[in-house]
N, C-alpha and C. Protein backbone atom coordinates (compact mmCIF):
# COMPACT_ATOMS: atom_id res chain seq x y z
N MET A 1 0.92 -1.01 -0.15
CA MET A 1 -0.02 -0.09 0.04
C MET A 1 0.85 1.14 -0.14
N ASP A 2 0.41 1.95 -0.84
CA ASP A 2 1.38 3.37 -0.87
C ASP A 2 0.61 4.32 -0.12
N GLY A 3 1.34 4.91 0.94
CA GLY A 3 0.60 5.70 2.06
C GLY A 3 -0.27 5.26 2.60
N ALA A 4 -0.79 6.56 3.53
CA ALA A 4 -1.99 5.67 4.60
C ALA A 4 -3.42 5.61 3.86
N LEU A 5 -3.85 4.64 4.72
CA LEU A 5 -5.53 4.02 4.12
C LEU A 5 -6.57 5.08 4.16
N ILE A 6 -6.25 6.07 5.49
CA ILE A 6 -6.72 6.65 6.17
C ILE A 6 -6.57 7.83 6.19
N VAL A 7 -6.82 8.92 5.66
CA VAL A 7 -5.95 10.40 5.66
C VAL A 7 -7.32 11.29 6.74
N VAL A 8 -6.79 11.62 7.93
CA VAL A 8 -7.80 13.20 8.60
C VAL A 8 -6.95 14.33 7.74
N HIS A 9 -7.24 14.97 6.72
CA HIS A 9 -6.70 15.97 6.90
C HIS A 9 -6.99 17.63 7.51
N ARG A 10 -5.97 18.32 6.90
CA ARG A 10 -5.44 19.48 8.27
C ARG A 10 -6.97 20.15 8.52
N PRO A 11 -7.34 20.61 9.53
CA PRO A 11 -8.35 21.57 9.87
C PRO A 11 -8.93 23.00 9.27
N ARG A 12 -10.00 22.63 8.65
CA ARG A 12 -10.59 23.52 8.15
C ARG A 12 -10.54 25.07 9.02
N GLY A 13 -10.76 26.09 7.91
CA GLY A 13 -11.47 27.66 8.62
C GLY A 13 -11.93 27.34 9.64
N SER A 14 -13.54 26.70 9.43
CA SER A 14 -14.52 26.55 10.14
C SER A 14 -14.41 25.28 11.41
N GLY A 15 -13.43 24.89 11.47
CA GLY A 15 -13.49 23.79 12.17
C GLY A 15 -13.56 22.38 11.61
N GLY A 16 -13.41 21.09 12.37
CA GLY A 16 -13.27 20.11 11.57
C GLY A 16 -12.18 19.69 10.46
N ARG A 17 -12.22 18.45 10.13
CA ARG A 17 -11.38 17.82 9.45
C ARG A 17 -11.93 17.04 8.57
N ARG A 18 -11.54 17.31 6.88
CA ARG A 18 -12.32 16.38 5.99
C ARG A 18 -11.70 14.92 6.21
N VAL A 19 -12.24 13.59 5.69
CA VAL A 19 -11.62 12.49 6.00
C VAL A 19 -11.56 11.63 4.65
N THR A 20 -10.46 11.15 4.44
CA THR A 20 -10.82 9.52 2.98
C THR A 20 -10.29 8.56 3.66
N VAL A 21 -10.81 7.94 2.48
CA VAL A 21 -10.36 6.13 2.77
C VAL A 21 -10.49 5.98 1.57
N ARG A 22 -8.90 5.50 0.89
CA ARG A 22 -8.41 5.12 -0.02
C ARG A 22 -8.75 5.87 -1.51
N GLY A 23 -8.92 7.63 -0.57
CA GLY A 23 -8.50 8.88 -1.90
C GLY A 23 -10.23 9.13 -1.99
N GLN A 24 -11.14 8.77 -1.24
CA GLN A 24 -12.14 9.24 -1.47
C GLN A 24 -12.85 9.40 0.05
N ILE A 25 -13.92 10.51 0.09
CA ILE A 25 -13.85 11.62 0.71
C ILE A 25 -15.22 10.88 1.93
N ILE A 26 -15.08 10.33 2.82
CA ILE A 26 -16.38 9.98 3.53
C ILE A 26 -16.88 10.84 4.34
N GLY A 27 -16.46 12.12 4.75
CA GLY A 27 -17.13 13.45 5.58
C GLY A 27 -16.39 13.96 6.08
N LEU A 28 -17.05 14.78 7.17
CA LEU A 28 -16.12 15.97 7.80
C LEU A 28 -15.70 15.79 9.41
N ALA A 29 -14.83 15.32 10.41
CA ALA A 29 -14.98 14.96 11.42
C ALA A 29 -14.84 16.13 12.13
N HIS A 30 -15.67 16.38 13.35
CA HIS A 30 -15.37 17.44 14.36
C HIS A 30 -14.67 16.32 15.97
N SER A 31 -14.63 15.45 15.51
CA SER A 31 -13.72 14.94 17.01
C SER A 31 -13.88 13.46 16.44
N ASP A 32 -13.08 13.12 17.25
CA ASP A 32 -12.49 11.01 17.47
C ASP A 32 -13.70 10.83 17.08
N ARG A 33 -15.02 11.34 17.94
CA ARG A 33 -15.96 9.96 17.69
C ARG A 33 -16.79 10.23 16.38
N ASP A 34 -16.84 11.15 15.81
CA ASP A 34 -17.25 11.44 14.23
C ASP A 34 -16.11 10.58 13.50
N LEU A 35 -15.11 10.88 13.60
CA LEU A 35 -13.97 9.72 12.94
C LEU A 35 -14.19 8.37 12.96
N VAL A 36 -14.36 8.27 14.16
CA VAL A 36 -14.83 6.34 14.34
C VAL A 36 -16.11 6.05 14.07
N GLU A 37 -17.41 7.06 14.10
CA GLU A 37 -18.52 6.57 12.85
C GLU A 37 -18.23 6.20 11.66
N PHE A 38 -17.36 7.04 10.89
CA PHE A 38 -17.06 7.50 9.57
C PHE A 38 -16.48 6.21 9.53
N LEU A 39 -15.44 5.48 10.35
CA LEU A 39 -14.89 3.96 9.97
C LEU A 39 -15.92 3.24 9.79
N ARG A 40 -16.59 3.05 10.84
CA ARG A 40 -17.20 2.12 11.23
C ARG A 40 -18.24 2.08 9.87
N GLN A 41 -19.10 3.02 9.34
CA GLN A 41 -19.72 3.24 8.35
C GLN A 41 -19.29 2.85 6.79
N SER A 42 -17.88 3.01 7.04
CA SER A 42 -17.11 2.35 5.80
C SER A 42 -16.28 1.24 5.98
N GLY A 43 -17.29 0.12 6.94
CA GLY A 43 -17.10 -1.39 7.03
C GLY A 43 -16.37 -2.05 8.23
N LEU A 44 -15.61 -1.22 8.81
CA LEU A 44 -14.93 -1.44 10.71
C LEU A 44 -15.57 -1.56 11.48
N ASP A 45 -15.83 -2.74 11.89
CA ASP A 45 -16.46 -2.59 13.21
C ASP A 45 -16.42 -1.71 14.33
N GLU A 46 -17.23 -1.65 15.14
CA GLU A 46 -17.37 -0.23 16.39
C GLU A 46 -15.62 -0.31 16.92
N THR A 47 -15.72 -1.86 17.74
CA THR A 47 -14.59 -1.67 18.67
C THR A 47 -12.81 -1.37 17.84
N SER A 48 -13.17 -1.99 16.57
CA SER A 48 -11.99 -1.95 15.62
C SER A 48 -11.52 -0.77 15.40
N ALA A 49 -12.53 0.30 15.08
CA ALA A 49 -12.47 1.81 14.37
C ALA A 49 -11.83 2.07 15.78
N GLU A 50 -12.45 2.36 16.97
CA GLU A 50 -11.82 2.69 18.56
C GLU A 50 -10.80 2.61 18.89
N ASP A 51 -10.41 1.25 18.34
CA ASP A 51 -9.34 1.07 18.82
C ASP A 51 -8.03 1.85 17.58
N MET A 52 -7.96 1.48 16.60
CA MET A 52 -7.66 2.44 15.21
C MET A 52 -7.57 3.81 15.93
N VAL A 53 -8.66 4.16 16.51
CA VAL A 53 -8.27 5.98 16.61
C VAL A 53 -7.71 6.06 17.33
N ALA A 54 -7.85 5.33 18.84
CA ALA A 54 -6.99 5.61 20.02
C ALA A 54 -5.72 5.47 20.01
N GLY A 55 -5.26 3.97 19.12
CA GLY A 55 -4.11 3.66 19.30
C GLY A 55 -3.07 4.55 17.95
N ASN A 56 -3.77 5.50 17.41
CA ASN A 56 -3.21 5.95 16.73
C ASN A 56 -2.23 5.14 15.25
N SER A 57 -3.26 3.95 15.16
CA SER A 57 -2.70 3.50 14.03
C SER A 57 -1.65 3.72 12.79
N ALA A 58 -0.60 2.58 11.97
CA ALA A 58 -0.20 3.44 11.05
C ALA A 58 -0.87 3.65 9.77
N LEU A 59 -2.33 3.25 9.97
CA LEU A 59 -2.95 2.90 8.63
C LEU A 59 -4.08 4.67 8.80
N ILE A 60 -3.78 5.38 9.64
CA ILE A 60 -4.42 7.05 10.01
C ILE A 60 -3.36 7.66 9.76
N GLU A 61 -3.50 8.43 8.80
CA GLU A 61 -2.33 9.84 8.22
C GLU A 61 -3.00 10.68 9.09
N TRP A 62 -2.55 11.62 9.66
CA TRP A 62 -2.62 12.78 10.29
C TRP A 62 -2.43 13.64 9.47
N ARG A 63 -2.67 14.60 8.82
CA ARG A 63 -2.23 15.48 7.86
C ARG A 63 -2.74 17.26 8.52
N GLY A 64 -1.46 17.69 8.37
CA GLY A 64 -1.51 19.24 8.61
C GLY A 64 -2.04 19.78 10.07
N GLY A 65 -1.62 19.11 11.12
CA GLY A 65 -1.92 19.68 12.28
C GLY A 65 -1.71 18.10 13.08
N ARG A 66 -2.06 18.34 14.38
CA ARG A 66 -1.57 17.48 15.43
C ARG A 66 -2.71 16.51 15.61
N ALA A 67 -2.38 15.32 16.03
CA ALA A 67 -3.95 14.24 15.83
C ALA A 67 -4.46 14.35 17.11
N HIS A 68 -6.06 14.10 16.70
CA HIS A 68 -7.03 14.54 17.59
C HIS A 68 -7.41 16.05 17.66
N HIS A 69 -7.28 16.76 17.13
CA HIS A 69 -7.41 18.08 17.20
C HIS A 69 -7.64 18.74 15.73
N TYR A 70 -9.55 19.25 16.20
CA TYR A 70 -10.14 19.21 15.14
C TYR A 70 -10.86 20.97 15.02
N GLU A 71 -10.23 21.59 15.92
CA GLU A 71 -10.39 23.10 15.92
C GLU A 71 -9.80 23.77 14.28
N ALA A 72 -9.96 25.05 14.19
CA ALA A 72 -9.74 25.81 13.42
C ALA A 72 -8.42 26.22 13.63
N ALA A 73 -7.25 25.96 13.10
CA ALA A 73 -5.73 26.59 13.64
C ALA A 73 -5.84 28.36 13.73
């Protein structure tokens, strides 16, 4: 796999971060809870999604800001 499977893009000016899975936009997350829900809707079970987000999985790339921060810069 080239790059991360899941990308959490830089915070937007109005807050929130765009989330893509395999290059497809799946939503605008305003919290880790939103991110878990998007991953669950993409096919992961909730426990796996929670573990992936909480454990800073190598499958998630946080771009343009600190991980787990969703506020506008």
